[in-house]
Structure formats: structure tokens, C-alpha cells
Protein backbone atom coordinates (compact mmCIF):
# COMPACT_ATOMS: atom_id res chain seq x y z
CA MET A 1 122.82 86.83 126.51
CA MET A 2 121.64 88.83 129.52
CA ARG A 3 123.36 91.97 128.24
CA ARG A 4 121.55 91.67 124.92
CA ALA A 5 118.21 91.39 126.71
CA LEU A 6 119.01 94.37 128.94
CA ARG A 7 119.87 96.45 125.89
CA PHE A 8 116.22 96.35 124.76
CA LEU A 9 114.78 96.89 128.22
CA PRO A 10 114.82 100.73 128.04
CA LEU A 11 112.92 100.61 124.75
CA PHE A 12 110.39 98.24 126.27
CA ALA A 13 110.00 100.50 129.31
CA CYS A 14 109.42 103.56 127.11
CA GLY A 15 106.81 101.68 125.09
CA LEU A 16 105.06 100.50 128.23
CA ALA A 17 105.04 104.02 129.68
CA ALA A 18 103.60 105.42 126.44
CA THR A 19 100.90 102.74 126.36
CA ILE A 20 99.88 103.50 129.93
CA ALA A 21 99.92 107.27 129.38
CA ILE A 22 97.57 107.20 126.37
CA PRO A 23 93.97 106.51 127.47
CA SER A 24 91.82 104.20 125.42
CA ALA A 25 88.78 105.85 123.86
CA ALA A 26 86.83 102.62 123.63
CA SER A 27 87.09 101.90 127.31
CA ALA A 28 85.46 105.22 128.15
CA GLN A 29 82.10 104.04 126.84
CA SER A 30 79.78 101.59 128.50
CA TRP A 31 79.64 98.09 127.09
CA GLU A 32 75.99 98.56 126.05
CA ILE A 33 76.98 101.45 123.80
CA ARG A 34 79.85 99.48 122.25
CA ARG A 35 77.53 96.49 121.74
CA GLU A 36 74.96 98.71 120.00
CA ILE A 37 77.67 100.16 117.73
CA ARG A 38 78.85 96.66 116.76
CA GLU A 39 75.29 95.57 116.10
CA ALA A 40 74.64 98.64 113.93
CA ASN A 41 77.81 98.01 111.92
CA ARG A 42 76.70 94.42 111.29
CA GLU A 43 73.26 95.57 110.11
CA VAL A 44 74.73 98.11 107.67
CA ALA A 45 77.18 95.52 106.32
CA ARG A 46 74.33 93.02 105.88
CA GLU A 47 72.27 95.56 103.92
CA ARG A 48 75.26 96.35 101.69
CA ALA A 49 75.85 92.67 101.00
CA GLU A 50 72.17 92.12 100.25
CA GLY A 51 72.16 95.09 97.85
CA ALA A 52 75.26 93.82 96.06
CA ARG A 53 73.71 90.36 95.75
CA GLU A 54 70.52 91.77 94.23
CA ILE A 55 72.46 93.98 91.80
CA LEU A 56 74.42 90.97 90.57
CA GLN A 57 71.19 89.10 89.86
CA CYS A 58 69.92 91.84 87.50
CA LYS A 59 69.98 91.23 83.75
CA THR A 60 69.28 94.76 82.49
CA ARG A 61 70.80 98.13 83.19
CA ALA A 62 67.47 99.57 84.38
CA CYS A 63 67.10 96.73 86.89
CA ALA A 64 70.63 97.32 88.17
CA GLU A 65 70.03 101.06 88.57
CA ARG A 66 66.76 100.43 90.41
CA GLU A 67 68.42 97.92 92.75
CA TYR A 68 71.34 100.30 93.30
CA ARG A 69 68.99 103.11 94.37
CA GLU A 70 67.06 100.73 96.59
CA ALA A 71 70.25 99.40 98.19
CA ASN A 72 71.43 102.96 98.91
CA ARG A 73 68.06 103.78 100.49
CA GLU A 74 68.22 100.67 102.68
CA VAL A 75 71.79 101.37 103.80
CA ALA A 76 70.91 105.00 104.57
CA ARG A 77 67.86 103.82 106.55
CA GLU A 78 70.01 101.38 108.55
CA ARG A 79 72.55 104.12 109.27
CA ARG A 80 69.81 106.47 110.51
CA GLU A 81 68.38 103.73 112.68
CA ALA A 82 71.85 102.93 114.02
CA ARG A 83 72.44 106.58 114.93
CA ARG A 84 69.09 106.70 116.75
CA GLU A 85 69.79 103.49 118.68
CA VAL A 86 73.32 104.52 119.68
CA SER A 87 72.16 107.97 120.79
CA ARG A 88 69.35 106.31 122.79
CA GLU A 89 71.93 104.09 124.52
CA ILE A 90 74.06 107.14 125.28
CA ARG A 91 71.03 108.94 126.73
CA GLU A 92 70.20 105.93 128.88
CA ALA A 93 73.80 105.68 130.08
CA TYR A 94 73.52 109.34 131.12
CA ARG A 95 70.83 108.50 133.66
CA ASP A 96 72.06 106.12 136.32
CA ARG A 97 70.19 104.87 139.37
CA TRP A 98 70.71 108.17 141.21
CA TYR A 99 69.09 110.30 138.50
CA ARG A 100 66.04 112.19 139.76
CA GLY A 101 64.96 114.14 136.67
CA ASN A 102 65.49 117.72 135.52
CA ASP A 103 69.26 117.16 135.30
CA ARG A 104 69.51 116.45 139.02
CA TRP A 105 71.08 113.50 140.84
CA TYR A 106 70.62 112.59 144.49
CA ARG A 107 73.65 110.90 145.97
CA ASP A 108 75.46 111.03 149.29
CA GLY A 109 72.68 113.01 150.95
CA ARG A 110 72.48 115.92 148.53
CA TYR A 111 71.33 116.92 145.06
CA TRP A 112 73.93 117.45 142.32
CA ASN A 113 73.67 119.22 138.99
CA ARG A 114 75.05 117.43 135.93
CA ASN A 115 78.50 119.03 135.82
CA ASP A 116 79.21 118.63 139.53
CA TYR A 117 77.89 115.06 139.55
CA GLU A 118 79.98 113.94 136.59
CA ARG A 119 83.07 115.67 137.92
CA ARG A 120 82.62 114.12 141.38
CA TYR A 121 81.75 110.55 140.45
CA TYR A 122 82.71 109.91 136.84
CA SER A 123 85.70 112.04 135.95
CA ARG A 124 88.85 110.02 135.50
CA ARG A 125 91.83 111.15 137.47
CA ASP A 126 94.18 110.81 134.50
CA LYS A 127 92.19 113.16 132.23
CA ASP A 128 93.24 116.36 133.94
CA GLY A 129 95.84 117.07 131.26
CA ASN A 130 98.83 116.82 133.57
CA ILE A 131 101.20 114.37 131.90
CA LEU A 132 104.36 115.54 133.65
CA PRO A 133 104.24 113.05 136.58
CA GLY A 134 103.85 110.15 134.15
CA LEU A 135 106.79 111.36 132.08
CA LEU A 136 108.95 111.78 135.19
CA VAL A 137 108.17 108.27 136.42
CA GLY A 138 108.85 106.85 132.94
CA ALA A 139 112.16 108.72 132.72
CA ALA A 140 113.14 107.48 136.18
CA VAL A 141 112.38 103.88 135.20
CA VAL A 142 114.37 104.21 132.00
CA GLY A 143 117.25 105.80 133.92
CA VAL A 144 117.33 102.99 136.48
CA VAL A 145 117.22 100.34 133.75
CA ALA A 146 120.00 102.08 131.80
CA ALA A 147 122.14 102.36 134.96
CA ILE A 148 121.68 98.65 135.64
CA ALA A 149 122.56 97.79 132.05
CA ASN A 150 125.68 99.99 132.19
CA ALA A 151 126.73 98.49 135.51
CA ASP A 152 126.49 95.01 134.01
CA ASP A 153 128.57 96.12 131.01
CA ASP A 154 131.37 97.35 133.28
CA ASP A 155 131.80 93.92 134.92
């Protein structure tokens, strides 16, 4: 039984290493931005459902065409509003409590421009494009697990 479980351990280790190596795009955004996106998606879906409901209530072709055009206008309006609200949230997330205006931040006793500030305080260490250390650690883990599994098979 233990040998069967150890047979799948290298596959599990590879999957775990791949999951850790691939960053999540959703976690890079602030929760306010993600909340605004969800809210916008709900509003657009509600307008679509309302338009479909009104189209189904029409008795004539002219009424259905008029409702169809109106529904498309409403959905387009909601999408524009959603884009504005999400971009506003992104702009607000850009300015934290150290923002001093004119693309300058004051932190740790000095002023920073945008690029230097983001690189210093907000850049993630795993986004530098160097995947080799992660692959080497994953390969080492898989090698150790395979050696243990082979040692158990020899007994």
C-alpha cells in the first residue's frame, strides 16, 4: 500500500512545484479592484436579464426590436460605467498614504519617483523572470522522493 502511494508522490511534487512557480494574476490586484470588477459584472448581467425579460413580454416585432436596441444601449452604458469605476479604483490604488503629488512619494526620509518607488516597495521578488532556482529545487525534491521510493522497492 505504501509503495503505491509513493509511486504517485513524484507526480504530486511536480504539480505542487508548478502551482507554486506560476503566480496568480488575481492576487496581484487589491481587493477593492476585484470587488469593483465583481460588482460591475453583476450589473451588466442584471441589465442583460432585464432586457431579455422585456423582449419576451413584447407582442410585436417592432416592440421586440425597440426593446432589443434599448437593452443593448443599457448594457453598453453599464459596461462604460464599469470601466470608469474600475479605472478609478486602479487610480486610487496607485496613490497610497505616502503619495505626495506630481508622481512623487515620500517614504523612508526621501522622495521617490514612480518607477523607483514601485520597484523598491511593491515589486514581487518572484517576478524577476528567473525560474531556474525554482526548477532546481523542484527537481531536487522529485529526485529525493524517487530515491526514497526506489529504496523502498529494493527491500
